[in-house]
Amino acid sequence: MNNDELLRRQLKILNRHLPAERVQLSELLKCERPRVRTKSGETHRFRKEELRYLAELVPKELHSKLRLPILIELTPQLGSGTAKISGNTECAVVGKILGIKRESEGELVLYRPEIRALRKKLQTTTQYALVAGLSV
């Protein structure tokens, strides 16, 4: 087994807490008990108050474009204490919450204090994802 294959397997294990499929905010708002199934088969529940907060923050026409949980991607390429948010709607929402402008289309780089502030505000609607660049 080569190093890339070993890393892929380890990342799969470390990321088993992530949802098998991310769900639109509009769908979660309709649920009595909003939740998603994780890659490990467990259930991840969303707090309704967080969903309502996001619903007020995001224009109604974008509720179907915001997929939850928002993934905070940790990757060694960005360096220690740095993470990335991907997706136009997700970046706009996070930027609005933290009061920062989007750096580029569909991608927002965050630093440790911003990550901490985001997780404090959105405890159930954000999750960490471990990502690594692999050679081809």
N, C-alpha and C. Protein backbone atom coordinates (compact mmCIF):
# COMPACT_ATOMS: atom_id res chain seq x y z
N MET A 1 0.85 -1.18 0.00
CA MET A 1 0.00 0.00 0.00
C MET A 1 0.90 1.24 0.00
N ASN A 2 0.62 2.17 -0.92
CA ASN A 2 1.45 3.37 -0.98
C ASN A 2 0.97 4.42 0.02
N ASN A 3 1.74 5.47 0.16
CA ASN A 3 1.44 6.51 1.16
C ASN A 3 0.12 7.22 0.90
N ASP A 4 -0.20 7.49 -0.39
CA ASP A 4 -1.46 8.17 -0.70
C ASP A 4 -2.66 7.32 -0.30
N GLU A 5 -2.59 6.04 -0.55
CA GLU A 5 -3.69 5.14 -0.19
C GLU A 5 -3.85 5.07 1.32
N LEU A 6 -2.75 5.02 2.03
CA LEU A 6 -2.78 5.00 3.49
C LEU A 6 -3.41 6.29 4.03
N LEU A 7 -3.01 7.43 3.47
CA LEU A 7 -3.56 8.71 3.89
C LEU A 7 -5.06 8.78 3.59
N ARG A 8 -5.48 8.31 2.42
CA ARG A 8 -6.91 8.29 2.08
C ARG A 8 -7.70 7.50 3.11
N ARG A 9 -7.19 6.35 3.48
CA ARG A 9 -7.88 5.50 4.46
C ARG A 9 -7.96 6.18 5.83
N GLN A 10 -6.87 6.80 6.24
CA GLN A 10 -6.86 7.48 7.53
C GLN A 10 -7.83 8.67 7.54
N LEU A 11 -7.86 9.43 6.45
CA LEU A 11 -8.78 10.56 6.37
C LEU A 11 -10.24 10.09 6.37
N LYS A 12 -10.50 8.98 5.72
CA LYS A 12 -11.86 8.43 5.70
C LYS A 12 -12.31 8.09 7.13
N ILE A 13 -11.40 7.51 7.90
CA ILE A 13 -11.70 7.18 9.30
C ILE A 13 -11.90 8.46 10.12
N LEU A 14 -11.00 9.42 9.95
CA LEU A 14 -11.08 10.67 10.73
C LEU A 14 -12.30 11.51 10.38
N ASN A 15 -12.82 11.35 9.15
CA ASN A 15 -13.96 12.15 8.70
C ASN A 15 -15.29 11.40 8.75
N ARG A 16 -15.34 10.30 9.46
CA ARG A 16 -16.58 9.52 9.50
C ARG A 16 -17.70 10.24 10.25
N HIS A 17 -17.37 11.30 10.98
CA HIS A 17 -18.39 12.12 11.66
C HIS A 17 -19.13 13.04 10.69
N LEU A 18 -18.62 13.19 9.48
CA LEU A 18 -19.23 14.09 8.50
C LEU A 18 -20.51 13.48 7.94
N PRO A 19 -21.41 14.33 7.46
CA PRO A 19 -22.66 13.79 6.91
C PRO A 19 -22.40 13.01 5.63
N ALA A 20 -23.21 11.97 5.44
CA ALA A 20 -23.14 11.22 4.18
C ALA A 20 -23.57 12.14 3.05
N GLU A 21 -24.50 13.03 3.35
CA GLU A 21 -24.98 14.02 2.38
C GLU A 21 -25.36 15.28 3.14
N ARG A 22 -24.93 16.43 2.64
CA ARG A 22 -25.33 17.69 3.27
C ARG A 22 -26.74 18.04 2.83
N VAL A 23 -27.48 18.75 3.70
CA VAL A 23 -28.90 19.01 3.47
C VAL A 23 -29.13 20.52 3.36
N GLN A 24 -30.08 20.89 2.51
CA GLN A 24 -30.42 22.29 2.31
C GLN A 24 -31.10 22.86 3.56
N LEU A 25 -30.81 24.11 3.85
CA LEU A 25 -31.45 24.79 4.97
C LEU A 25 -32.96 24.73 4.83
N SER A 26 -33.48 24.93 3.63
CA SER A 26 -34.93 24.91 3.41
C SER A 26 -35.55 23.58 3.84
N GLU A 27 -34.86 22.48 3.61
CA GLU A 27 -35.37 21.16 4.00
C GLU A 27 -35.32 20.98 5.52
N LEU A 28 -34.22 21.41 6.14
CA LEU A 28 -34.07 21.25 7.58
C LEU A 28 -35.10 22.07 8.36
N LEU A 29 -35.47 23.23 7.82
CA LEU A 29 -36.46 24.08 8.49
C LEU A 29 -37.83 23.41 8.55
N LYS A 30 -38.10 22.50 7.65
CA LYS A 30 -39.38 21.79 7.61
C LYS A 30 -39.44 20.63 8.61
N CYS A 31 -38.29 20.18 9.07
CA CYS A 31 -38.22 19.00 9.93
C CYS A 31 -38.57 19.32 11.38
N GLU A 32 -39.30 18.40 12.00
CA GLU A 32 -39.58 18.54 13.42
C GLU A 32 -38.31 18.32 14.23
N ARG A 33 -37.52 17.30 13.83
CA ARG A 33 -36.24 17.02 14.46
C ARG A 33 -35.16 17.01 13.38
N PRO A 34 -34.61 18.18 13.06
CA PRO A 34 -33.65 18.26 11.96
C PRO A 34 -32.36 17.49 12.26
N ARG A 35 -31.98 16.63 11.31
CA ARG A 35 -30.78 15.82 11.49
C ARG A 35 -30.33 15.26 10.15
N VAL A 36 -29.10 14.76 10.14
CA VAL A 36 -28.54 14.08 8.98
C VAL A 36 -27.86 12.81 9.45
N ARG A 37 -27.72 11.88 8.55
CA ARG A 37 -27.01 10.64 8.82
C ARG A 37 -25.54 10.87 8.46
N THR A 38 -24.63 10.43 9.34
CA THR A 38 -23.20 10.60 9.09
C THR A 38 -22.67 9.43 8.28
N LYS A 39 -21.44 9.56 7.83
CA LYS A 39 -20.80 8.49 7.06
C LYS A 39 -20.65 7.22 7.89
N SER A 40 -20.60 7.36 9.21
CA SER A 40 -20.47 6.19 10.08
C SER A 40 -21.84 5.57 10.41
N GLY A 41 -22.91 6.21 9.95
CA GLY A 41 -24.25 5.69 10.23
C GLY A 41 -24.90 6.31 11.45
N GLU A 42 -24.18 7.15 12.16
CA GLU A 42 -24.73 7.84 13.34
C GLU A 42 -25.65 8.97 12.87
N THR A 43 -26.30 9.61 13.83
CA THR A 43 -27.17 10.75 13.54
C THR A 43 -26.53 12.03 14.08
N HIS A 44 -26.52 13.06 13.25
CA HIS A 44 -26.05 14.39 13.68
C HIS A 44 -27.29 15.28 13.72
N ARG A 45 -27.57 15.84 14.88
CA ARG A 45 -28.75 16.70 15.06
C ARG A 45 -28.35 18.17 14.97
N PHE A 46 -29.27 18.95 14.43
CA PHE A 46 -29.09 20.40 14.33
C PHE A 46 -30.00 21.07 15.36
N ARG A 47 -29.50 22.10 15.99
CA ARG A 47 -30.33 22.89 16.91
C ARG A 47 -31.25 23.78 16.08
N LYS A 48 -32.51 23.77 16.44
CA LYS A 48 -33.49 24.57 15.71
C LYS A 48 -33.19 26.07 15.79
N GLU A 49 -32.68 26.50 16.95
CA GLU A 49 -32.39 27.94 17.09
C GLU A 49 -31.28 28.38 16.13
N GLU A 50 -30.32 27.50 15.85
CA GLU A 50 -29.27 27.81 14.87
C GLU A 50 -29.87 27.89 13.46
N LEU A 51 -30.76 26.97 13.15
CA LEU A 51 -31.40 26.97 11.84
C LEU A 51 -32.24 28.23 11.65
N ARG A 52 -32.96 28.63 12.70
CA ARG A 52 -33.75 29.87 12.63
C ARG A 52 -32.85 31.09 12.46
N TYR A 53 -31.73 31.10 13.18
CA TYR A 53 -30.77 32.19 13.05
C TYR A 53 -30.27 32.30 11.60
N LEU A 54 -29.91 31.16 11.01
CA LEU A 54 -29.45 31.15 9.61
C LEU A 54 -30.57 31.58 8.67
N ALA A 55 -31.79 31.14 8.95
CA ALA A 55 -32.93 31.50 8.10
C ALA A 55 -33.18 33.01 8.10
N GLU A 56 -32.93 33.66 9.23
CA GLU A 56 -33.09 35.11 9.31
C GLU A 56 -31.94 35.83 8.62
N LEU A 57 -30.77 35.24 8.68
CA LEU A 57 -29.55 35.84 8.12
C LEU A 57 -29.50 35.74 6.60
N VAL A 58 -30.02 34.65 6.07
CA VAL A 58 -29.92 34.34 4.64
C VAL A 58 -31.24 34.69 3.96
N PRO A 59 -31.20 35.39 2.81
CA PRO A 59 -32.43 35.65 2.08
C PRO A 59 -33.15 34.34 1.75
N LYS A 60 -34.48 34.36 1.79
CA LYS A 60 -35.28 33.15 1.61
C LYS A 60 -34.95 32.43 0.30
N GLU A 61 -34.65 33.17 -0.75
CA GLU A 61 -34.33 32.53 -2.04
C GLU A 61 -33.02 31.75 -2.01
N LEU A 62 -32.21 31.96 -0.98
CA LEU A 62 -30.94 31.21 -0.87
C LEU A 62 -31.03 30.05 0.13
N HIS A 63 -32.17 29.87 0.78
CA HIS A 63 -32.33 28.77 1.74
C HIS A 63 -32.07 27.42 1.09
N SER A 64 -32.43 27.29 -0.18
CA SER A 64 -32.22 26.01 -0.86
C SER A 64 -30.79 25.85 -1.37
N LYS A 65 -30.01 26.91 -1.33
CA LYS A 65 -28.61 26.84 -1.78
C LYS A 65 -27.63 26.63 -0.64
N LEU A 66 -28.04 26.95 0.59
CA LEU A 66 -27.17 26.77 1.75
C LEU A 66 -27.27 25.32 2.22
N ARG A 67 -26.15 24.60 2.09
CA ARG A 67 -26.10 23.20 2.49
C ARG A 67 -25.43 23.08 3.85
N LEU A 68 -26.08 22.31 4.71
CA LEU A 68 -25.60 22.17 6.08
C LEU A 68 -25.25 20.72 6.40
N PRO A 69 -24.31 20.51 7.27
CA PRO A 69 -23.54 21.52 7.98
C PRO A 69 -22.52 22.20 7.06
N ILE A 70 -22.15 23.42 7.41
CA ILE A 70 -21.08 24.12 6.71
C ILE A 70 -19.78 23.44 7.13
N LEU A 71 -18.96 23.07 6.16
CA LEU A 71 -17.72 22.37 6.47
C LEU A 71 -16.56 23.35 6.62
N ILE A 72 -15.87 23.23 7.73
CA ILE A 72 -14.65 24.00 7.99
C ILE A 72 -13.51 23.06 7.63
N GLU A 73 -12.90 23.30 6.49
CA GLU A 73 -11.89 22.39 5.95
C GLU A 73 -10.50 22.72 6.52
N LEU A 74 -9.95 21.76 7.23
CA LEU A 74 -8.60 21.89 7.79
C LEU A 74 -7.65 21.13 6.86
N THR A 75 -6.65 21.83 6.36
CA THR A 75 -5.71 21.22 5.45
C THR A 75 -4.29 21.70 5.76
N PRO A 76 -3.32 20.80 5.71
CA PRO A 76 -1.95 21.21 6.02
C PRO A 76 -1.39 22.25 5.04
N GLN A 77 -1.93 22.31 3.85
CA GLN A 77 -1.45 23.27 2.86
C GLN A 77 -1.69 24.72 3.28
N LEU A 78 -2.69 24.94 4.12
CA LEU A 78 -2.98 26.30 4.58
C LEU A 78 -2.17 26.69 5.81
N GLY A 79 -1.62 25.71 6.50
CA GLY A 79 -0.83 26.00 7.69
C GLY A 79 -1.65 25.82 8.96
N SER A 80 -0.95 25.81 10.06
CA SER A 80 -1.56 25.60 11.37
C SER A 80 -2.50 26.75 11.73
N GLY A 81 -3.67 26.40 12.25
CA GLY A 81 -4.62 27.42 12.70
C GLY A 81 -5.38 28.10 11.58
N THR A 82 -5.32 27.54 10.38
CA THR A 82 -5.98 28.13 9.22
C THR A 82 -6.94 27.10 8.62
N ALA A 83 -8.09 27.56 8.17
CA ALA A 83 -9.09 26.67 7.58
C ALA A 83 -9.74 27.37 6.40
N LYS A 84 -10.55 26.60 5.67
CA LYS A 84 -11.18 27.13 4.47
C LYS A 84 -12.66 26.73 4.47
N ILE A 85 -13.48 27.66 3.99
CA ILE A 85 -14.90 27.40 3.73
C ILE A 85 -15.06 27.43 2.22
N SER A 86 -15.79 26.46 1.68
CA SER A 86 -16.04 26.40 0.24
C SER A 86 -17.52 26.56 -0.05
N GLY A 87 -17.82 27.12 -1.22
CA GLY A 87 -19.20 27.31 -1.66
C GLY A 87 -19.60 28.77 -1.57
N ASN A 88 -20.21 29.28 -2.63
CA ASN A 88 -20.58 30.70 -2.67
C ASN A 88 -21.51 31.10 -1.54
N THR A 89 -22.59 30.34 -1.35
CA THR A 89 -23.56 30.69 -0.32
C THR A 89 -22.96 30.53 1.06
N GLU A 90 -22.23 29.43 1.27
CA GLU A 90 -21.60 29.17 2.57
C GLU A 90 -20.61 30.28 2.92
N CYS A 91 -19.82 30.71 1.95
CA CYS A 91 -18.85 31.79 2.18
C CYS A 91 -19.55 33.10 2.52
N ALA A 92 -20.63 33.39 1.80
CA ALA A 92 -21.37 34.62 2.06
C ALA A 92 -21.94 34.63 3.48
N VAL A 93 -22.48 33.49 3.91
CA VAL A 93 -23.08 33.38 5.25
C VAL A 93 -22.01 33.55 6.32
N VAL A 94 -20.91 32.81 6.19
CA VAL A 94 -19.83 32.89 7.17
C VAL A 94 -19.24 34.30 7.20
N GLY A 95 -19.04 34.89 6.04
CA GLY A 95 -18.53 36.26 5.97
C GLY A 95 -19.44 37.24 6.68
N LYS A 96 -20.74 37.06 6.50
CA LYS A 96 -21.72 37.93 7.16
C LYS A 96 -21.69 37.76 8.68
N ILE A 97 -21.61 36.52 9.13
CA ILE A 97 -21.58 36.24 10.57
C ILE A 97 -20.34 36.84 11.21
N LEU A 98 -19.20 36.70 10.54
CA LEU A 98 -17.92 37.17 11.10
C LEU A 98 -17.59 38.61 10.74
N GLY A 99 -18.37 39.20 9.84
CA GLY A 99 -18.12 40.58 9.43
C GLY A 99 -16.87 40.73 8.57
N ILE A 100 -16.61 39.73 7.72
CA ILE A 100 -15.45 39.80 6.82
C ILE A 100 -15.91 39.63 5.38
N LYS A 101 -15.13 40.19 4.46
CA LYS A 101 -15.46 40.09 3.04
C LYS A 101 -14.89 38.80 2.47
N ARG A 102 -15.57 38.28 1.46
CA ARG A 102 -15.07 37.09 0.78
C ARG A 102 -13.80 37.44 0.03
N GLU A 103 -12.80 36.57 0.16
CA GLU A 103 -11.52 36.83 -0.49
C GLU A 103 -11.54 36.46 -1.97
N SER A 104 -12.21 35.39 -2.29
CA SER A 104 -12.34 34.99 -3.68
C SER A 104 -13.65 34.24 -3.85
N GLU A 105 -14.09 34.14 -5.08
CA GLU A 105 -15.37 33.49 -5.37
C GLU A 105 -15.38 32.05 -4.90
N GLY A 106 -16.30 31.72 -4.01
CA GLY A 106 -16.50 30.34 -3.58
C GLY A 106 -15.51 29.79 -2.58
N GLU A 107 -14.64 30.64 -2.04
CA GLU A 107 -13.65 30.17 -1.07
C GLU A 107 -13.33 31.28 -0.07
N LEU A 108 -13.31 30.93 1.19
CA LEU A 108 -13.00 31.90 2.25
C LEU A 108 -12.02 31.26 3.22
N VAL A 109 -10.89 31.92 3.42
CA VAL A 109 -9.87 31.42 4.36
C VAL A 109 -10.11 32.07 5.72
N LEU A 110 -10.11 31.23 6.76
CA LEU A 110 -10.33 31.69 8.13
C LEU A 110 -9.13 31.36 9.00
N TYR A 111 -8.92 32.17 10.02
CA TYR A 111 -7.83 31.96 10.96
C TYR A 111 -8.41 31.58 12.32
N ARG A 112 -7.57 31.06 13.18
CA ARG A 112 -8.01 30.48 14.45
C ARG A 112 -9.05 31.31 15.21
N PRO A 113 -8.85 32.63 15.42
CA PRO A 113 -9.86 33.40 16.16
C PRO A 113 -11.22 33.43 15.45
N GLU A 114 -11.19 33.49 14.12
CA GLU A 114 -12.44 33.49 13.34
C GLU A 114 -13.13 32.13 13.40
N ILE A 115 -12.32 31.07 13.34
CA ILE A 115 -12.87 29.71 13.42
C ILE A 115 -13.55 29.53 14.78
N ARG A 116 -12.89 29.98 15.82
CA ARG A 116 -13.44 29.88 17.17
C ARG A 116 -14.76 30.63 17.28
N ALA A 117 -14.80 31.85 16.74
CA ALA A 117 -16.02 32.66 16.79
C ALA A 117 -17.15 32.00 16.00
N LEU A 118 -16.82 31.44 14.86
CA LEU A 118 -17.83 30.77 14.03
C LEU A 118 -18.39 29.55 14.74
N ARG A 119 -17.51 28.72 15.31
CA ARG A 119 -17.96 27.51 16.01
C ARG A 119 -18.78 27.85 17.26
N LYS A 120 -18.45 28.97 17.89
CA LYS A 120 -19.21 29.38 19.07
C LYS A 120 -20.64 29.74 18.68
N LYS A 121 -20.80 30.38 17.54
CA LYS A 121 -22.12 30.81 17.07
C LYS A 121 -22.90 29.67 16.40
N LEU A 122 -22.20 28.82 15.67
CA LEU A 122 -22.84 27.74 14.92
C LEU A 122 -22.26 26.40 15.34
N GLN A 123 -22.64 25.93 16.50
CA GLN A 123 -22.06 24.70 17.05
C GLN A 123 -22.53 23.44 16.34
N THR A 124 -23.80 23.40 15.93
CA THR A 124 -24.32 22.18 15.29
C THR A 124 -24.41 22.30 13.78
N THR A 125 -24.32 23.51 13.25
CA THR A 125 -24.47 23.70 11.81
C THR A 125 -23.12 23.88 11.10
N THR A 126 -22.03 23.68 11.83
CA THR A 126 -20.69 23.64 11.23
C THR A 126 -20.00 22.38 11.72
N GLN A 127 -19.09 21.87 10.89
CA GLN A 127 -18.29 20.71 11.28
C GLN A 127 -16.91 20.83 10.65
N TYR A 128 -15.93 20.26 11.34
CA TYR A 128 -14.57 20.21 10.82
C TYR A 128 -14.42 19.05 9.85
N ALA A 129 -13.76 19.31 8.72
CA ALA A 129 -13.43 18.27 7.76
C ALA A 129 -11.92 18.28 7.55
N LEU A 130 -11.29 17.16 7.68
CA LEU A 130 -9.84 17.06 7.47
C LEU A 130 -9.59 16.74 6.00
N VAL A 131 -8.79 17.57 5.36
CA VAL A 131 -8.53 17.46 3.93
C VAL A 131 -7.02 17.46 3.71
N ALA A 132 -6.56 16.69 2.75
CA ALA A 132 -5.13 16.69 2.43
C ALA A 132 -4.97 16.62 0.92
N GLY A 133 -4.00 17.35 0.41
CA GLY A 133 -3.66 17.26 -1.01
C GLY A 133 -2.87 15.99 -1.24
N LEU A 134 -3.30 15.21 -2.22
CA LEU A 134 -2.62 13.96 -2.52
C LEU A 134 -1.98 14.04 -3.90
N SER A 135 -0.87 13.37 -4.07
CA SER A 135 -0.24 13.36 -5.39
C SER A 135 -1.07 12.48 -6.31
N VAL A 136 -1.02 12.80 -7.59
CA VAL A 136 -1.83 12.07 -8.56
C VAL A 136 -1.13 10.84 -9.08
